[in-house]
C-alpha atoms as a PDB file:
ATOM      1  CA  MET A   1      41.658 126.714 149.221  1.00  0.00           C
ATOM      2  CA  THR A   2      38.265 127.373 150.777  1.00  0.00           C
ATOM      3  CA  SER A   3      36.128 124.541 152.085  1.00  0.00           C
ATOM      4  CA  ASP A   4      33.379 125.313 149.537  1.00  0.00           C
ATOM      5  CA  LEU A   5      35.834 125.228 146.653  1.00  0.00           C
ATOM      6  CA  ARG A   6      37.373 121.997 147.916  1.00  0.00           C
ATOM      7  CA  ASP A   7      33.881 120.441 148.120  1.00  0.00           C
ATOM      8  CA  LEU A   8      33.088 121.559 144.569  1.00  0.00           C
ATOM      9  CA  TYR A   9      36.341 120.094 143.265  1.00  0.00           C
ATOM     10  CA  GLN A  10      35.598 116.795 145.019  1.00  0.00           C
ATOM     11  CA  GLU A  11      32.159 116.729 143.381  1.00  0.00           C
ATOM     12  CA  VAL A  12      33.698 117.329 139.942  1.00  0.00           C
ATOM     13  CA  ILE A  13      36.239 114.537 140.445  1.00  0.00           C
ATOM     14  CA  PHE A  14      33.581 112.137 141.717  1.00  0.00           C
ATOM     15  CA  ASP A  15      31.310 112.961 138.746  1.00  0.00           C
ATOM     16  CA  HIS A  16      34.105 112.227 136.245  1.00  0.00           C
ATOM     17  CA  TYR A  17      34.887 109.001 138.094  1.00  0.00           C
ATOM     18  CA  LYS A  18      31.285 107.786 138.125  1.00  0.00           C
ATOM     19  CA  ARG A  19      30.451 109.037 134.605  1.00  0.00           C
ATOM     20  CA  PRO A  20      33.761 109.264 132.715  1.00  0.00           C
ATOM     21  CA  ARG A  21      33.662 111.166 129.461  1.00  0.00           C
ATOM     22  CA  ASN A  22      35.165 109.702 126.274  1.00  0.00           C
ATOM     23  CA  ASN A  23      35.593 106.282 127.906  1.00  0.00           C
ATOM     24  CA  ARG A  24      35.677 104.137 124.785  1.00  0.00           C
ATOM     25  CA  ALA A  25      37.930 102.687 122.134  1.00  0.00           C
ATOM     26  CA  LEU A  26      38.541 105.078 119.261  1.00  0.00           C
ATOM     27  CA  GLU A  27      38.726 103.028 116.074  1.00  0.00           C
ATOM     28  CA  GLU A  28      39.860 105.951 113.909  1.00  0.00           C
ATOM     29  CA  ALA A  29      42.744 106.842 116.234  1.00  0.00           C
ATOM     30  CA  ASN A  30      46.096 107.310 114.556  1.00  0.00           C
ATOM     31  CA  HIS A  31      47.982 107.359 117.874  1.00  0.00           C
ATOM     32  CA  HIS A  32      47.600 105.195 120.959  1.00  0.00           C
ATOM     33  CA  ALA A  33      49.567 104.020 123.977  1.00  0.00           C
ATOM     34  CA  GLN A  34      49.105 102.038 127.162  1.00  0.00           C
ATOM     35  CA  GLY A  35      49.984 103.074 130.689  1.00  0.00           C
ATOM     36  CA  HIS A  36      50.154 101.363 134.059  1.00  0.00           C
ATOM     37  CA  ASN A  37      50.519 102.558 137.638  1.00  0.00           C
ATOM     38  CA  PRO A  38      51.741  99.486 139.574  1.00  0.00           C
ATOM     39  CA  LEU A  39      51.376 101.236 142.929  1.00  0.00           C
ATOM     40  CA  CYS A  40      47.617 101.696 142.573  1.00  0.00           C
ATOM     41  CA  GLY A  41      46.863  99.158 139.832  1.00  0.00           C
ATOM     42  CA  ASP A  42      45.589 101.812 137.400  1.00  0.00           C
ATOM     43  CA  LYS A  43      45.696 100.842 133.716  1.00  0.00           C
ATOM     44  CA  VAL A  44      44.829 103.076 130.797  1.00  0.00           C
ATOM     45  CA  THR A  45      44.940 103.070 127.014  1.00  0.00           C
ATOM     46  CA  ILE A  46      44.814 106.480 125.360  1.00  0.00           C
ATOM     47  CA  TYR A  47      43.575 106.850 121.784  1.00  0.00           C
ATOM     48  CA  VAL A  48      44.143 110.046 119.803  1.00  0.00           C
ATOM     49  CA  LYS A  49      43.043 111.113 116.336  1.00  0.00           C
ATOM     50  CA  VAL A  50      45.225 113.934 115.029  1.00  0.00           C
ATOM     51  CA  ASP A  51      44.690 115.702 111.697  1.00  0.00           C
ATOM     52  CA  ASP A  52      46.699 118.691 110.512  1.00  0.00           C
ATOM     53  CA  GLY A  53      48.356 119.102 113.908  1.00  0.00           C
ATOM     54  CA  VAL A  54      45.030 119.313 115.784  1.00  0.00           C
ATOM     55  CA  ILE A  55      43.485 116.744 118.119  1.00  0.00           C
ATOM     56  CA  GLN A  56      40.200 115.870 116.459  1.00  0.00           C
ATOM     57  CA  ASP A  57      39.187 113.229 118.989  1.00  0.00           C
ATOM     58  CA  VAL A  58      40.633 111.561 122.063  1.00  0.00           C
ATOM     59  CA  ALA A  59      39.369 108.732 124.235  1.00  0.00           C
ATOM     60  CA  PHE A  60      40.523 106.280 126.859  1.00  0.00           C
ATOM     61  CA  GLU A  61      39.841 102.799 128.152  1.00  0.00           C
ATOM     62  CA  GLY A  62      41.020 101.261 131.358  1.00  0.00           C
ATOM     63  CA  SER A  63      40.433 100.735 135.003  1.00  0.00           C
ATOM     64  CA  GLY A  64      41.672 102.676 137.940  1.00  0.00           C
ATOM     65  CA  CYS A  65      41.051 104.618 141.085  1.00  0.00           C
ATOM     66  CA  ALA A  66      38.824 107.698 141.201  1.00  0.00           C
ATOM     67  CA  ILE A  67      41.727 110.119 140.642  1.00  0.00           C
ATOM     68  CA  ALA A  68      43.147 108.213 137.644  1.00  0.00           C
ATOM     69  CA  THR A  69      39.754 107.828 135.984  1.00  0.00           C
ATOM     70  CA  ALA A  70      38.682 111.420 136.625  1.00  0.00           C
ATOM     71  CA  SER A  71      42.005 112.740 135.360  1.00  0.00           C
ATOM     72  CA  ALA A  72      41.743 110.727 132.123  1.00  0.00           C
ATOM     73  CA  SER A  73      38.157 111.860 131.611  1.00  0.00           C
ATOM     74  CA  MET A  74      38.949 115.514 132.264  1.00  0.00           C
ATOM     75  CA  MET A  75      42.048 115.343 130.094  1.00  0.00           C
ATOM     76  CA  THR A  76      40.073 114.072 127.100  1.00  0.00           C
ATOM     77  CA  GLU A  77      37.599 116.927 127.446  1.00  0.00           C
ATOM     78  CA  ALA A  78      40.385 119.496 127.689  1.00  0.00           C
ATOM     79  CA  LEU A  79      42.250 118.230 124.610  1.00  0.00           C
ATOM     80  CA  LYS A  80      39.657 118.081 121.843  1.00  0.00           C
ATOM     81  CA  GLY A  81      40.282 120.725 119.203  1.00  0.00           C
ATOM     82  CA  ARG A  82      43.691 121.741 120.566  1.00  0.00           C
ATOM     83  CA  LYS A  83      46.812 122.165 118.466  1.00  0.00           C
ATOM     84  CA  LEU A  84      49.650 119.812 119.352  1.00  0.00           C
ATOM     85  CA  GLU A  85      51.898 122.642 120.538  1.00  0.00           C
ATOM     86  CA  ASP A  86      49.127 123.730 122.936  1.00  0.00           C
ATOM     87  CA  VAL A  87      48.821 120.152 124.199  1.00  0.00           C
ATOM     88  CA  GLU A  88      52.490 120.184 125.186  1.00  0.00           C
ATOM     89  CA  LYS A  89      52.000 123.425 127.133  1.00  0.00           C
ATOM     90  CA  LEU A  90      48.891 122.036 128.827  1.00  0.00           C
ATOM     91  CA  PHE A  91      50.761 118.861 129.804  1.00  0.00           C
ATOM     92  CA  HIS A  92      53.503 120.875 131.475  1.00  0.00           C
ATOM     93  CA  GLY A  93      51.013 123.200 133.154  1.00  0.00           C
ATOM     94  CA  PHE A  94      49.043 120.251 134.538  1.00  0.00           C
ATOM     95  CA  HIS A  95      52.177 118.424 135.655  1.00  0.00           C
ATOM     96  CA  ASP A  96      53.488 121.537 137.394  1.00  0.00           C
ATOM     97  CA  MET A  97      50.117 122.094 139.068  1.00  0.00           C
ATOM     98  CA  VAL A  98      49.936 118.613 140.633  1.00  0.00           C
ATOM     99  CA  THR A  99      53.622 118.298 141.533  1.00  0.00           C
ATOM    100  CA  SER A 100      54.323 121.738 142.986  1.00  0.00           C
ATOM    101  CA  PRO A 101      54.264 122.291 146.767  1.00  0.00           C
ATOM    102  CA  PRO A 102      50.759 122.846 148.209  1.00  0.00           C
ATOM    103  CA  ASP A 103      51.438 126.525 148.886  1.00  0.00           C
ATOM    104  CA  ALA A 104      52.888 127.219 145.409  1.00  0.00           C
ATOM    105  CA  GLU A 105      51.007 129.384 142.945  1.00  0.00           C
ATOM    106  CA  SER A 106      50.351 127.993 139.483  1.00  0.00           C
ATOM    107  CA  PRO A 107      48.343 129.375 136.579  1.00  0.00           C
ATOM    108  CA  PRO A 108      44.671 128.384 136.438  1.00  0.00           C
ATOM    109  CA  LEU A 109      43.817 125.497 134.106  1.00  0.00           C
ATOM    110  CA  GLY A 110      40.052 125.806 133.961  1.00  0.00           C
ATOM    111  CA  LYS A 111      38.165 122.641 134.840  1.00  0.00           C
ATOM    112  CA  LEU A 112      41.453 120.798 135.397  1.00  0.00           C
ATOM    113  CA  ASP A 113      41.906 122.926 138.523  1.00  0.00           C
ATOM    114  CA  ALA A 114      39.641 120.401 140.268  1.00  0.00           C
ATOM    115  CA  LEU A 115      42.701 118.130 140.440  1.00  0.00           C
ATOM    116  CA  ARG A 116      44.907 120.802 142.036  1.00  0.00           C
ATOM    117  CA  GLY A 117      44.442 119.286 145.516  1.00  0.00           C
ATOM    118  CA  VAL A 118      46.217 116.086 144.428  1.00  0.00           C
ATOM    119  CA  ARG A 119      49.536 117.789 145.116  1.00  0.00           C
ATOM    120  CA  GLU A 120      48.712 117.570 148.831  1.00  0.00           C
ATOM    121  CA  PHE A 121      48.834 113.763 148.515  1.00  0.00           C
ATOM    122  CA  PRO A 122      52.124 112.767 146.848  1.00  0.00           C
ATOM    123  CA  ALA A 123      51.101 109.112 146.496  1.00  0.00           C
ATOM    124  CA  ARG A 124      48.146 110.207 144.327  1.00  0.00           C
ATOM    125  CA  VAL A 125      50.179 112.314 141.898  1.00  0.00           C
ATOM    126  CA  LYS A 126      51.047 109.200 139.877  1.00  0.00           C
ATOM    127  CA  CYS A 127      47.346 108.393 139.619  1.00  0.00           C
ATOM    128  CA  ALA A 128      46.562 111.889 138.329  1.00  0.00           C
ATOM    129  CA  THR A 129      49.405 112.000 135.814  1.00  0.00           C
ATOM    130  CA  LEU A 130      49.151 108.475 134.360  1.00  0.00           C
ATOM    131  CA  ALA A 131      46.786 109.416 131.522  1.00  0.00           C
ATOM    132  CA  TRP A 132      48.863 112.510 130.748  1.00  0.00           C
ATOM    133  CA  HIS A 133      52.134 110.568 130.480  1.00  0.00           C
ATOM    134  CA  THR A 134      50.363 107.947 128.391  1.00  0.00           C
ATOM    135  CA  LEU A 135      49.088 110.702 126.095  1.00  0.00           C
ATOM    136  CA  GLN A 136      52.669 111.923 125.633  1.00  0.00           C
ATOM    137  CA  ALA A 137      53.755 108.378 124.730  1.00  0.00           C
ATOM    138  CA  ALA A 138      50.911 108.052 122.226  1.00  0.00           C
ATOM    139  CA  LEU A 139      51.783 111.306 120.498  1.00  0.00           C
ATOM    140  CA  ARG A 140      55.459 110.342 120.378  1.00  0.00           C
ATOM    141  CA  ALA A 141      54.629 106.849 119.042  1.00  0.00           C
ATOM    142  CA  HIS A 142      56.311 104.973 121.896  1.00  0.00           C
ATOM    143  CA  ASP A 143      55.585 101.300 121.451  1.00  0.00           C
ATOM    144  CA  HIS A 144      56.185 100.190 125.046  1.00  0.00           C
ATOM    145  CA  PRO A 145      53.712 100.731 127.889  1.00  0.00           C
ATOM    146  CA  VAL A 146      54.221 103.752 130.122  1.00  0.00           C
ATOM    147  CA  SER A 147      54.789 103.032 133.803  1.00  0.00           C
ATOM    148  CA  THR A 148      54.664 105.466 136.680  1.00  0.00           C
ATOM    149  CA  GLU A 149      57.478 103.527 138.364  1.00  0.00           C
END
């Protein structure tokens, strides 16, 4: 990854951390779940409104490090208007991107590519994936909090 691209990605992550998108309770949600990363102290609640198999709205509340907050913010932007089967594919694509070896190729994921560098820091992968695992729990109606441990 070039230095300029790395700098751009850091700016995107910092922007989503400082000004997270969709950071609110979603009263009309018909799915929700809580997640916790004990290692970093990140906590998140994901709210999802699904109608006819399509995510109409998605939001999150919580507190966490820059990576966890940026990932949740970017995830919510990426999910609105997607069909549930596409959400599953996106989850796996994102998970593969941040868990594969640093020199591994993975398909581009648009704006989510800003989090690609997380794979170079294994301790931060749990921060980046917390919101995504919590989303999966919400959509599957799991009633116990998700933990990265």
